[in-house]
Amino acid sequence: MYGDAQMIERFKAAMFSRQLKAWEKKRRQGKRSFVLYRGVLRWGGFIFVLTTLTNVMVRHMKLDWVSEISLLIACPFVGYFWARCVWYLNELHFRDAMEQQGTITKSKPGQA
C-alpha cells in the first residue's frame, strides 16, 4: 500500500512539473497573445461554430442574420473574459509554485 502512495505522489509531482513548464511556455508569449488566441479566437470561435451547427443541424433552425451576428459578437467577448480568468488563476498557481520552490520571493505590500 505504501508503494502505491509513493507512486501516486511521484506521478502528481511529474504532472505538476509538466504543467508548470507548459504554463511557462504560454506565459513567455504574453498575456495579450494568450487572451486573443486562446480566448477570443480559439474558445470564442469554437463556441460560435458549435452553437451555429447545433442550431442548424439539431434544432433545424434557419440561419437568422441577427442571431448569427449577435453570436459572432458574444462568443469572442465571453472568450475574452474566460481567457483573462484562466490567465489570472494560472498566474496565481504559478507564483505559488515558484514561491514553494524558492525561485521567487513574495513582494512586500507596495512593491511591484
PDB file of N, CA and C in Angstrom:
ATOM      1  N   MET A   1       0.819  -1.194   0.000  1.00  0.00           N
ATOM      2  CA  MET A   1       0.000   0.000   0.000  1.00  0.00           C
ATOM      3  C   MET A   1       0.863   1.258   0.000  1.00  0.00           C
ATOM      4  N   TYR A   2       1.925   1.240   0.770  1.00  0.00           N
ATOM      5  CA  TYR A   2       2.802   2.404   0.863  1.00  0.00           C
ATOM      6  C   TYR A   2       3.468   2.681  -0.483  1.00  0.00           C
ATOM      7  N   GLY A   3       3.812   1.642  -1.222  1.00  0.00           N
ATOM      8  CA  GLY A   3       4.430   1.815  -2.534  1.00  0.00           C
ATOM      9  C   GLY A   3       3.496   2.492  -3.516  1.00  0.00           C
ATOM     10  N   ASP A   4       2.198   2.168  -3.428  1.00  0.00           N
ATOM     11  CA  ASP A   4       1.225   2.800  -4.308  1.00  0.00           C
ATOM     12  C   ASP A   4       1.108   4.291  -4.022  1.00  0.00           C
ATOM     13  N   ALA A   5       1.132   4.652  -2.763  1.00  0.00           N
ATOM     14  CA  ALA A   5       1.035   6.066  -2.395  1.00  0.00           C
ATOM     15  C   ALA A   5       2.240   6.839  -2.908  1.00  0.00           C
ATOM     16  N   GLN A   6       3.424   6.242  -2.808  1.00  0.00           N
ATOM     17  CA  GLN A   6       4.626   6.911  -3.327  1.00  0.00           C
ATOM     18  C   GLN A   6       4.541   7.066  -4.839  1.00  0.00           C
ATOM     19  N   MET A   7       4.050   6.039  -5.517  1.00  0.00           N
ATOM     20  CA  MET A   7       3.930   6.094  -6.965  1.00  0.00           C
ATOM     21  C   MET A   7       2.954   7.201  -7.381  1.00  0.00           C
ATOM     22  N   ILE A   8       1.859   7.317  -6.661  1.00  0.00           N
ATOM     23  CA  ILE A   8       0.870   8.355  -6.963  1.00  0.00           C
ATOM     24  C   ILE A   8       1.464   9.742  -6.722  1.00  0.00           C
ATOM     25  N   GLU A   9       2.200   9.905  -5.641  1.00  0.00           N
ATOM     26  CA  GLU A   9       2.825  11.197  -5.346  1.00  0.00           C
ATOM     27  C   GLU A   9       3.854  11.566  -6.409  1.00  0.00           C
ATOM     28  N   ARG A  10       4.643  10.594  -6.874  1.00  0.00           N
ATOM     29  CA  ARG A  10       5.617  10.870  -7.940  1.00  0.00           C
ATOM     30  C   ARG A  10       4.914  11.255  -9.235  1.00  0.00           C
ATOM     31  N   PHE A  11       3.808  10.573  -9.516  1.00  0.00           N
ATOM     32  CA  PHE A  11       3.034  10.891 -10.708  1.00  0.00           C
ATOM     33  C   PHE A  11       2.484  12.312 -10.624  1.00  0.00           C
ATOM     34  N   LYS A  12       1.921  12.670  -9.462  1.00  0.00           N
ATOM     35  CA  LYS A  12       1.388  14.020  -9.281  1.00  0.00           C
ATOM     36  C   LYS A  12       2.482  15.072  -9.406  1.00  0.00           C
ATOM     37  N   ALA A  13       3.655  14.792  -8.851  1.00  0.00           N
ATOM     38  CA  ALA A  13       4.774  15.738  -8.948  1.00  0.00           C
ATOM     39  C   ALA A  13       5.216  15.901 -10.387  1.00  0.00           C
ATOM     40  N   ALA A  14       5.264  14.796 -11.142  1.00  0.00           N
ATOM     41  CA  ALA A  14       5.661  14.871 -12.548  1.00  0.00           C
ATOM     42  C   ALA A  14       4.636  15.644 -13.366  1.00  0.00           C
ATOM     43  N   MET A  15       3.349  15.414 -13.103  1.00  0.00           N
ATOM     44  CA  MET A  15       2.300  16.143 -13.808  1.00  0.00           C
ATOM     45  C   MET A  15       2.375  17.631 -13.490  1.00  0.00           C
ATOM     46  N   PHE A  16       2.587  17.946 -12.226  1.00  0.00           N
ATOM     47  CA  PHE A  16       2.683  19.338 -11.815  1.00  0.00           C
ATOM     48  C   PHE A  16       3.866  20.013 -12.500  1.00  0.00           C
ATOM     49  N   SER A  17       4.981  19.301 -12.577  1.00  0.00           N
ATOM     50  CA  SER A  17       6.170  19.837 -13.236  1.00  0.00           C
ATOM     51  C   SER A  17       5.896  20.097 -14.720  1.00  0.00           C
ATOM     52  N   ARG A  18       5.221  19.168 -15.381  1.00  0.00           N
ATOM     53  CA  ARG A  18       4.886  19.353 -16.801  1.00  0.00           C
ATOM     54  C   ARG A  18       3.931  20.523 -16.981  1.00  0.00           C
ATOM     55  N   GLN A  19       2.966  20.654 -16.068  1.00  0.00           N
ATOM     56  CA  GLN A  19       2.019  21.763 -16.162  1.00  0.00           C
ATOM     57  C   GLN A  19       2.728  23.105 -15.984  1.00  0.00           C
ATOM     58  N   LEU A  20       3.682  23.162 -15.047  1.00  0.00           N
ATOM     59  CA  LEU A  20       4.440  24.399 -14.847  1.00  0.00           C
ATOM     60  C   LEU A  20       5.242  24.758 -16.091  1.00  0.00           C
ATOM     61  N   LYS A  21       5.878  23.764 -16.689  1.00  0.00           N
ATOM     62  CA  LYS A  21       6.664  24.023 -17.906  1.00  0.00           C
ATOM     63  C   LYS A  21       5.770  24.484 -19.051  1.00  0.00           C
ATOM     64  N   ALA A  22       4.605  23.856 -19.187  1.00  0.00           N
ATOM     65  CA  ALA A  22       3.675  24.260 -20.245  1.00  0.00           C
ATOM     66  C   ALA A  22       3.184  25.687 -20.007  1.00  0.00           C
ATOM     67  N   TRP A  23       2.905  26.022 -18.751  1.00  0.00           N
ATOM     68  CA  TRP A  23       2.445  27.381 -18.459  1.00  0.00           C
ATOM     69  C   TRP A  23       3.560  28.387 -18.704  1.00  0.00           C
ATOM     70  N   GLU A  24       4.800  28.037 -18.344  1.00  0.00           N
ATOM     71  CA  GLU A  24       5.922  28.940 -18.594  1.00  0.00           C
ATOM     72  C   GLU A  24       6.038  29.253 -20.082  1.00  0.00           C
ATOM     73  N   LYS A  25       5.839  28.251 -20.916  1.00  0.00           N
ATOM     74  CA  LYS A  25       5.912  28.453 -22.369  1.00  0.00           C
ATOM     75  C   LYS A  25       4.810  29.404 -22.841  1.00  0.00           C
ATOM     76  N   LYS A  26       3.585  29.177 -22.366  1.00  0.00           N
ATOM     77  CA  LYS A  26       2.470  30.058 -22.742  1.00  0.00           C
ATOM     78  C   LYS A  26       2.684  31.458 -22.179  1.00  0.00           C
ATOM     79  N   ARG A  27       3.232  31.514 -20.998  1.00  0.00           N
ATOM     80  CA  ARG A  27       3.461  32.778 -20.304  1.00  0.00           C
ATOM     81  C   ARG A  27       4.464  33.654 -21.051  1.00  0.00           C
ATOM     82  N   ARG A  28       5.492  33.027 -21.623  1.00  0.00           N
ATOM     83  CA  ARG A  28       6.502  33.765 -22.384  1.00  0.00           C
ATOM     84  C   ARG A  28       5.903  34.474 -23.594  1.00  0.00           C
ATOM     85  N   GLN A  29       4.831  33.922 -24.135  1.00  0.00           N
ATOM     86  CA  GLN A  29       4.200  34.539 -25.304  1.00  0.00           C
ATOM     87  C   GLN A  29       3.396  35.781 -24.923  1.00  0.00           C
ATOM     88  N   GLY A  30       3.080  35.909 -23.655  1.00  0.00           N
ATOM     89  CA  GLY A  30       2.425  37.115 -23.164  1.00  0.00           C
ATOM     90  C   GLY A  30       0.936  36.969 -22.958  1.00  0.00           C
ATOM     91  N   LYS A  31       0.446  37.831 -22.102  1.00  0.00           N
ATOM     92  CA  LYS A  31      -0.974  37.814 -21.735  1.00  0.00           C
ATOM     93  C   LYS A  31      -1.854  38.168 -22.935  1.00  0.00           C
ATOM     94  N   ARG A  32      -1.455  39.176 -23.690  1.00  0.00           N
ATOM     95  CA  ARG A  32      -2.254  39.612 -24.831  1.00  0.00           C
ATOM     96  C   ARG A  32      -2.412  38.481 -25.842  1.00  0.00           C
ATOM     97  N   SER A  33      -1.328  37.816 -26.142  1.00  0.00           N
ATOM     98  CA  SER A  33      -1.368  36.705 -27.091  1.00  0.00           C
ATOM     99  C   SER A  33      -2.257  35.581 -26.572  1.00  0.00           C
ATOM    100  N   PHE A  34      -2.124  35.254 -25.284  1.00  0.00           N
ATOM    101  CA  PHE A  34      -2.932  34.202 -24.675  1.00  0.00           C
ATOM    102  C   PHE A  34      -4.414  34.539 -24.768  1.00  0.00           C
ATOM    103  N   VAL A  35      -4.767  35.753 -24.388  1.00  0.00           N
ATOM    104  CA  VAL A  35      -6.172  36.155 -24.365  1.00  0.00           C
ATOM    105  C   VAL A  35      -6.744  36.178 -25.779  1.00  0.00           C
ATOM    106  N   LEU A  36      -6.012  36.749 -26.729  1.00  0.00           N
ATOM    107  CA  LEU A  36      -6.536  36.827 -28.095  1.00  0.00           C
ATOM    108  C   LEU A  36      -6.616  35.462 -28.765  1.00  0.00           C
ATOM    109  N   TYR A  37      -5.526  34.684 -28.674  1.00  0.00           N
ATOM    110  CA  TYR A  37      -5.510  33.410 -29.382  1.00  0.00           C
ATOM    111  C   TYR A  37      -6.377  32.366 -28.689  1.00  0.00           C
ATOM    112  N   ARG A  38      -6.134  32.138 -27.406  1.00  0.00           N
ATOM    113  CA  ARG A  38      -6.842  31.057 -26.703  1.00  0.00           C
ATOM    114  C   ARG A  38      -8.261  31.429 -26.311  1.00  0.00           C
ATOM    115  N   GLY A  39      -8.497  32.691 -25.999  1.00  0.00           N
ATOM    116  CA  GLY A  39      -9.820  33.099 -25.560  1.00  0.00           C
ATOM    117  C   GLY A  39     -10.724  33.527 -26.694  1.00  0.00           C
ATOM    118  N   VAL A  40     -10.332  34.607 -27.360  1.00  0.00           N
ATOM    119  CA  VAL A  40     -11.191  35.197 -28.384  1.00  0.00           C
ATOM    120  C   VAL A  40     -11.303  34.286 -29.600  1.00  0.00           C
ATOM    121  N   LEU A  41     -10.167  33.917 -30.181  1.00  0.00           N
ATOM    122  CA  LEU A  41     -10.214  33.135 -31.417  1.00  0.00           C
ATOM    123  C   LEU A  41     -10.553  31.667 -31.181  1.00  0.00           C
ATOM    124  N   ARG A  42      -9.820  31.043 -30.295  1.00  0.00           N
ATOM    125  CA  ARG A  42      -9.982  29.599 -30.128  1.00  0.00           C
ATOM    126  C   ARG A  42     -11.275  29.243 -29.397  1.00  0.00           C
ATOM    127  N   TRP A  43     -11.458  29.764 -28.187  1.00  0.00           N
ATOM    128  CA  TRP A  43     -12.654  29.424 -27.411  1.00  0.00           C
ATOM    129  C   TRP A  43     -13.892  30.072 -28.030  1.00  0.00           C
ATOM    130  N   GLY A  44     -13.808  31.377 -28.274  1.00  0.00           N
ATOM    131  CA  GLY A  44     -14.954  32.080 -28.845  1.00  0.00           C
ATOM    132  C   GLY A  44     -15.345  31.550 -30.211  1.00  0.00           C
ATOM    133  N   GLY A  45     -14.346  31.266 -31.054  1.00  0.00           N
ATOM    134  CA  GLY A  45     -14.627  30.723 -32.383  1.00  0.00           C
ATOM    135  C   GLY A  45     -15.250  29.346 -32.315  1.00  0.00           C
ATOM    136  N   PHE A  46     -14.726  28.502 -31.430  1.00  0.00           N
ATOM    137  CA  PHE A  46     -15.256  27.149 -31.284  1.00  0.00           C
ATOM    138  C   PHE A  46     -16.709  27.177 -30.812  1.00  0.00           C
ATOM    139  N   ILE A  47     -16.999  27.997 -29.836  1.00  0.00           N
ATOM    140  CA  ILE A  47     -18.366  28.083 -29.316  1.00  0.00           C
ATOM    141  C   ILE A  47     -19.308  28.656 -30.376  1.00  0.00           C
ATOM    142  N   PHE A  48     -18.835  29.632 -31.151  1.00  0.00           N
ATOM    143  CA  PHE A  48     -19.658  30.183 -32.225  1.00  0.00           C
ATOM    144  C   PHE A  48     -20.013  29.105 -33.247  1.00  0.00           C
ATOM    145  N   VAL A  49     -19.014  28.362 -33.705  1.00  0.00           N
ATOM    146  CA  VAL A  49     -19.253  27.305 -34.695  1.00  0.00           C
ATOM    147  C   VAL A  49     -20.142  26.209 -34.114  1.00  0.00           C
ATOM    148  N   LEU A  50     -19.868  25.789 -32.878  1.00  0.00           N
ATOM    149  CA  LEU A  50     -20.654  24.740 -32.241  1.00  0.00           C
ATOM    150  C   LEU A  50     -22.114  25.166 -32.074  1.00  0.00           C
ATOM    151  N   THR A  51     -22.332  26.386 -31.642  1.00  0.00           N
ATOM    152  CA  THR A  51     -23.703  26.878 -31.457  1.00  0.00           C
ATOM    153  C   THR A  51     -24.434  26.975 -32.791  1.00  0.00           C
ATOM    154  N   THR A  52     -23.758  27.485 -33.807  1.00  0.00           N
ATOM    155  CA  THR A  52     -24.379  27.603 -35.124  1.00  0.00           C
ATOM    156  C   THR A  52     -24.737  26.228 -35.684  1.00  0.00           C
ATOM    157  N   LEU A  53     -23.795  25.279 -35.593  1.00  0.00           N
ATOM    158  CA  LEU A  53     -24.075  23.926 -36.089  1.00  0.00           C
ATOM    159  C   LEU A  53     -25.200  23.268 -35.305  1.00  0.00           C
ATOM    160  N   THR A  54     -25.228  23.461 -34.010  1.00  0.00           N
ATOM    161  CA  THR A  54     -26.295  22.886 -33.184  1.00  0.00           C
ATOM    162  C   THR A  54     -27.647  23.470 -33.580  1.00  0.00           C
ATOM    163  N   ASN A  55     -27.702  24.767 -33.781  1.00  0.00           N
ATOM    164  CA  ASN A  55     -28.957  25.404 -34.169  1.00  0.00           C
ATOM    165  C   ASN A  55     -29.446  24.903 -35.521  1.00  0.00           C
ATOM    166  N   VAL A  56     -28.539  24.705 -36.465  1.00  0.00           N
ATOM    167  CA  VAL A  56     -28.935  24.305 -37.816  1.00  0.00           C
ATOM    168  C   VAL A  56     -29.235  22.811 -37.882  1.00  0.00           C
ATOM    169  N   MET A  57     -28.350  21.974 -37.327  1.00  0.00           N
ATOM    170  CA  MET A  57     -28.477  20.532 -37.520  1.00  0.00           C
ATOM    171  C   MET A  57     -29.388  19.854 -36.494  1.00  0.00           C
ATOM    172  N   VAL A  58     -29.352  20.282 -35.259  1.00  0.00           N
ATOM    173  CA  VAL A  58     -30.135  19.611 -34.225  1.00  0.00           C
ATOM    174  C   VAL A  58     -31.503  20.262 -34.074  1.00  0.00           C
ATOM    175  N   ARG A  59     -31.508  21.557 -33.992  1.00  0.00           N
ATOM    176  CA  ARG A  59     -32.780  22.270 -33.787  1.00  0.00           C
ATOM    177  C   ARG A  59     -33.498  22.580 -35.101  1.00  0.00           C
ATOM    178  N   HIS A  60     -32.827  22.342 -36.216  1.00  0.00           N
ATOM    179  CA  HIS A  60     -33.376  22.582 -37.558  1.00  0.00           C
ATOM    180  C   HIS A  60     -33.851  24.018 -37.733  1.00  0.00           C
ATOM    181  N   MET A  61     -33.050  24.934 -37.225  1.00  0.00           N
ATOM    182  CA  MET A  61     -33.376  26.348 -37.352  1.00  0.00           C
ATOM    183  C   MET A  61     -32.738  26.890 -38.634  1.00  0.00           C
ATOM    184  N   LYS A  62     -33.405  27.852 -39.240  1.00  0.00           N
ATOM    185  CA  LYS A  62     -32.806  28.544 -40.375  1.00  0.00           C
ATOM    186  C   LYS A  62     -31.857  29.600 -39.822  1.00  0.00           C
ATOM    187  N   LEU A  63     -30.809  29.882 -40.592  1.00  0.00           N
ATOM    188  CA  LEU A  63     -29.864  30.902 -40.149  1.00  0.00           C
ATOM    189  C   LEU A  63     -30.537  32.271 -40.164  1.00  0.00           C
ATOM    190  N   ASP A  64     -30.470  32.916 -39.057  1.00  0.00           N
ATOM    191  CA  ASP A  64     -31.016  34.259 -38.902  1.00  0.00           C
ATOM    192  C   ASP A  64     -29.823  35.190 -38.712  1.00  0.00           C
ATOM    193  N   TRP A  65     -29.687  36.187 -39.558  1.00  0.00           N
ATOM    194  CA  TRP A  65     -28.509  37.046 -39.523  1.00  0.00           C
ATOM    195  C   TRP A  65     -28.376  37.803 -38.215  1.00  0.00           C
ATOM    196  N   VAL A  66     -29.481  38.193 -37.628  1.00  0.00           N
ATOM    197  CA  VAL A  66     -29.414  38.936 -36.370  1.00  0.00           C
ATOM    198  C   VAL A  66     -28.833  38.046 -35.262  1.00  0.00           C
ATOM    199  N   SER A  67     -29.309  36.811 -35.173  1.00  0.00           N
ATOM    200  CA  SER A  67     -28.785  35.923 -34.132  1.00  0.00           C
ATOM    201  C   SER A  67     -27.340  35.514 -34.424  1.00  0.00           C
ATOM    202  N   GLU A  68     -26.989  35.346 -35.691  1.00  0.00           N
ATOM    203  CA  GLU A  68     -25.603  34.987 -36.043  1.00  0.00           C
ATOM    204  C   GLU A  68     -24.642  36.133 -35.721  1.00  0.00           C
ATOM    205  N   ILE A  69     -25.038  37.345 -36.006  1.00  0.00           N
ATOM    206  CA  ILE A  69     -24.179  38.495 -35.705  1.00  0.00           C
ATOM    207  C   ILE A  69     -24.060  38.670 -34.192  1.00  0.00           C
ATOM    208  N   SER A  70     -25.158  38.477 -33.472  1.00  0.00           N
ATOM    209  CA  SER A  70     -25.063  38.596 -32.020  1.00  0.00           C
ATOM    210  C   SER A  70     -24.196  37.488 -31.441  1.00  0.00           C
ATOM    211  N   LEU A  71     -24.267  36.280 -32.000  1.00  0.00           N
ATOM    212  CA  LEU A  71     -23.379  35.194 -31.574  1.00  0.00           C
ATOM    213  C   LEU A  71     -21.924  35.522 -31.903  1.00  0.00           C
ATOM    214  N   LEU A  72     -21.728  36.098 -33.075  1.00  0.00           N
ATOM    215  CA  LEU A  72     -20.373  36.448 -33.506  1.00  0.00           C
ATOM    216  C   LEU A  72     -19.755  37.516 -32.612  1.00  0.00           C
ATOM    217  N   ILE A  73     -20.571  38.310 -31.981  1.00  0.00           N
ATOM    218  CA  ILE A  73     -20.080  39.315 -31.031  1.00  0.00           C
ATOM    219  C   ILE A  73     -19.946  38.715 -29.630  1.00  0.00           C
ATOM    220  N   ALA A  74     -20.960  37.968 -29.203  1.00  0.00           N
ATOM    221  CA  ALA A  74     -20.997  37.462 -27.826  1.00  0.00           C
ATOM    222  C   ALA A  74     -19.945  36.395 -27.550  1.00  0.00           C
ATOM    223  N   CYS A  75     -19.748  35.460 -28.470  1.00  0.00           N
ATOM    224  CA  CYS A  75     -18.821  34.346 -28.213  1.00  0.00           C
ATOM    225  C   CYS A  75     -17.381  34.820 -28.005  1.00  0.00           C
ATOM    226  N   PRO A  76     -16.826  35.650 -28.889  1.00  0.00           N
ATOM    227  CA  PRO A  76     -15.472  36.156 -28.614  1.00  0.00           C
ATOM    228  C   PRO A  76     -15.399  37.016 -27.354  1.00  0.00           C
ATOM    229  N   PHE A  77     -16.456  37.757 -27.064  1.00  0.00           N
ATOM    230  CA  PHE A  77     -16.500  38.587 -25.864  1.00  0.00           C
ATOM    231  C   PHE A  77     -16.403  37.723 -24.610  1.00  0.00           C
ATOM    232  N   VAL A  78     -17.179  36.645 -24.557  1.00  0.00           N
ATOM    233  CA  VAL A  78     -17.126  35.722 -23.424  1.00  0.00           C
ATOM    234  C   VAL A  78     -15.772  35.013 -23.396  1.00  0.00           C
ATOM    235  N   GLY A  79     -15.249  34.663 -24.569  1.00  0.00           N
ATOM    236  CA  GLY A  79     -13.930  34.040 -24.652  1.00  0.00           C
ATOM    237  C   GLY A  79     -12.835  34.926 -24.092  1.00  0.00           C
ATOM    238  N   TYR A  80     -12.955  36.226 -24.315  1.00  0.00           N
ATOM    239  CA  TYR A  80     -12.003  37.184 -23.775  1.00  0.00           C
ATOM    240  C   TYR A  80     -11.992  37.113 -22.245  1.00  0.00           C
ATOM    241  N   PHE A  81     -13.172  37.140 -21.641  1.00  0.00           N
ATOM    242  CA  PHE A  81     -13.247  37.095 -20.176  1.00  0.00           C
ATOM    243  C   PHE A  81     -12.834  35.730 -19.623  1.00  0.00           C
ATOM    244  N   TRP A  82     -13.166  34.679 -20.339  1.00  0.00           N
ATOM    245  CA  TRP A  82     -12.738  33.339 -19.930  1.00  0.00           C
ATOM    246  C   TRP A  82     -11.214  33.263 -19.894  1.00  0.00           C
ATOM    247  N   ALA A  83     -10.562  33.747 -20.953  1.00  0.00           N
ATOM    248  CA  ALA A  83      -9.098  33.689 -21.026  1.00  0.00           C
ATOM    249  C   ALA A  83      -8.447  34.565 -19.962  1.00  0.00           C
ATOM    250  N   ARG A  84      -9.039  35.723 -19.679  1.00  0.00           N
ATOM    251  CA  ARG A  84      -8.496  36.577 -18.612  1.00  0.00           C
ATOM    252  C   ARG A  84      -8.557  35.874 -17.262  1.00  0.00           C
ATOM    253  N   CYS A  85      -9.655  35.189 -16.987  1.00  0.00           N
ATOM    254  CA  CYS A  85      -9.789  34.445 -15.727  1.00  0.00           C
ATOM    255  C   CYS A  85      -8.790  33.294 -15.664  1.00  0.00           C
ATOM    256  N   VAL A  86      -8.642  32.559 -16.758  1.00  0.00           N
ATOM    257  CA  VAL A  86      -7.692  31.448 -16.796  1.00  0.00           C
ATOM    258  C   VAL A  86      -6.278  31.970 -16.586  1.00  0.00           C
ATOM    259  N   TRP A  87      -5.934  33.083 -17.231  1.00  0.00           N
ATOM    260  CA  TRP A  87      -4.612  33.673 -17.071  1.00  0.00           C
ATOM    261  C   TRP A  87      -4.360  34.021 -15.605  1.00  0.00           C
ATOM    262  N   TYR A  88      -5.330  34.698 -15.001  1.00  0.00           N
ATOM    263  CA  TYR A  88      -5.195  35.125 -13.607  1.00  0.00           C
ATOM    264  C   TYR A  88      -4.999  33.926 -12.680  1.00  0.00           C
ATOM    265  N   LEU A  89      -5.835  32.898 -12.823  1.00  0.00           N
ATOM    266  CA  LEU A  89      -5.727  31.718 -11.963  1.00  0.00           C
ATOM    267  C   LEU A  89      -4.411  30.974 -12.183  1.00  0.00           C
ATOM    268  N   ASN A  90      -4.010  30.831 -13.434  1.00  0.00           N
ATOM    269  CA  ASN A  90      -2.734  30.154 -13.714  1.00  0.00           C
ATOM    270  C   ASN A  90      -1.550  30.935 -13.158  1.00  0.00           C
ATOM    271  N   GLU A  91      -1.618  32.245 -13.207  1.00  0.00           N
ATOM    272  CA  GLU A  91      -0.552  33.058 -12.635  1.00  0.00           C
ATOM    273  C   GLU A  91      -0.487  32.885 -11.120  1.00  0.00           C
ATOM    274  N   LEU A  92      -1.645  32.814 -10.462  1.00  0.00           N
ATOM    275  CA  LEU A  92      -1.659  32.575  -9.014  1.00  0.00           C
ATOM    276  C   LEU A  92      -1.004  31.238  -8.675  1.00  0.00           C
ATOM    277  N   HIS A  93      -1.389  30.188  -9.400  1.00  0.00           N
ATOM    278  CA  HIS A  93      -0.814  28.863  -9.155  1.00  0.00           C
ATOM    279  C   HIS A  93       0.681  28.848  -9.468  1.00  0.00           C
ATOM    280  N   PHE A  94       1.073  29.516 -10.547  1.00  0.00           N
ATOM    281  CA  PHE A  94       2.477  29.559 -10.947  1.00  0.00           C
ATOM    282  C   PHE A  94       3.320  30.276  -9.893  1.00  0.00           C
ATOM    283  N   ARG A  95       2.844  31.416  -9.428  1.00  0.00           N
ATOM    284  CA  ARG A  95       3.590  32.166  -8.407  1.00  0.00           C
ATOM    285  C   ARG A  95       3.680  31.385  -7.093  1.00  0.00           C
ATOM    286  N   ASP A  96       2.589  30.730  -6.710  1.00  0.00           N
ATOM    287  CA  ASP A  96       2.635  29.896  -5.504  1.00  0.00           C
ATOM    288  C   ASP A  96       3.653  28.779  -5.644  1.00  0.00           C
ATOM    289  N   ALA A  97       3.676  28.141  -6.792  1.00  0.00           N
ATOM    290  CA  ALA A  97       4.629  27.046  -7.019  1.00  0.00           C
ATOM    291  C   ALA A  97       6.063  27.549  -6.992  1.00  0.00           C
ATOM    292  N   MET A  98       6.289  28.708  -7.596  1.00  0.00           N
ATOM    293  CA  MET A  98       7.649  29.262  -7.613  1.00  0.00           C
ATOM    294  C   MET A  98       8.082  29.673  -6.207  1.00  0.00           C
ATOM    295  N   GLU A  99       7.157  30.191  -5.420  1.00  0.00           N
ATOM    296  CA  GLU A  99       7.483  30.555  -4.036  1.00  0.00           C
ATOM    297  C   GLU A  99       7.810  29.311  -3.215  1.00  0.00           C
ATOM    298  N   GLN A 100       7.069  28.233  -3.436  1.00  0.00           N
ATOM    299  CA  GLN A 100       7.350  26.991  -2.720  1.00  0.00           C
ATOM    300  C   GLN A 100       8.716  26.433  -3.089  1.00  0.00           C
ATOM    301  N   GLN A 101       9.101  26.598  -4.341  1.00  0.00           N
ATOM    302  CA  GLN A 101      10.404  26.121  -4.788  1.00  0.00           C
ATOM    303  C   GLN A 101      11.524  27.078  -4.387  1.00  0.00           C
ATOM    304  N   GLY A 102      11.140  28.260  -3.929  1.00  0.00           N
ATOM    305  CA  GLY A 102      12.136  29.250  -3.530  1.00  0.00           C
ATOM    306  C   GLY A 102      12.715  30.021  -4.700  1.00  0.00           C
ATOM    307  N   THR A 103      12.077  29.922  -5.868  1.00  0.00           N
ATOM    308  CA  THR A 103      12.574  30.611  -7.051  1.00  0.00           C
ATOM    309  C   THR A 103      12.341  32.109  -6.981  1.00  0.00           C
ATOM    310  N   ILE A 104      11.167  32.490  -6.459  1.00  0.00           N
ATOM    311  CA  ILE A 104      10.881  33.922  -6.282  1.00  0.00           C
ATOM    312  C   ILE A 104      10.438  34.141  -4.849  1.00  0.00           C
ATOM    313  N   THR A 105      10.584  35.361  -4.391  1.00  0.00           N
ATOM    314  CA  THR A 105      10.153  35.687  -3.046  1.00  0.00           C
ATOM    315  C   THR A 105       8.897  36.526  -3.144  1.00  0.00           C
ATOM    316  N   LYS A 106       8.086  36.478  -2.110  1.00  0.00           N
ATOM    317  CA  LYS A 106       6.874  37.286  -2.069  1.00  0.00           C
ATOM    318  C   LYS A 106       7.263  38.746  -1.991  1.00  0.00           C
ATOM    319  N   SER A 107       6.561  39.573  -2.767  1.00  0.00           N
ATOM    320  CA  SER A 107       6.829  41.003  -2.687  1.00  0.00           C
ATOM    321  C   SER A 107       6.075  41.581  -1.504  1.00  0.00           C
ATOM    322  N   LYS A 108       6.648  42.594  -0.907  1.00  0.00           N
ATOM    323  CA  LYS A 108       6.002  43.266   0.215  1.00  0.00           C
ATOM    324  C   LYS A 108       4.927  44.190  -0.321  1.00  0.00           C
ATOM    325  N   PRO A 109       3.916  44.482   0.476  1.00  0.00           N
ATOM    326  CA  PRO A 109       2.878  45.401   0.021  1.00  0.00           C
ATOM    327  C   PRO A 109       3.482  46.733  -0.426  1.00  0.00           C
ATOM    328  N   GLY A 110       3.014  47.204  -1.557  1.00  0.00           N
ATOM    329  CA  GLY A 110       3.515  48.463  -2.100  1.00  0.00           C
ATOM    330  C   GLY A 110       4.640  48.262  -3.105  1.00  0.00           C
ATOM    331  N   GLN A 111       5.179  47.050  -3.204  1.00  0.00           N
ATOM    332  CA  GLN A 111       6.208  46.775  -4.206  1.00  0.00           C
ATOM    333  C   GLN A 111       5.571  46.110  -5.406  1.00  0.00           C
ATOM    334  N   ALA A 112       6.178  46.335  -6.564  1.00  0.00           N
ATOM    335  CA  ALA A 112       5.660  45.741  -7.796  1.00  0.00           C
ATOM    336  C   ALA A 112       6.180  44.334  -7.966  1.00  0.00           C
TER     337      ALA A 112
END
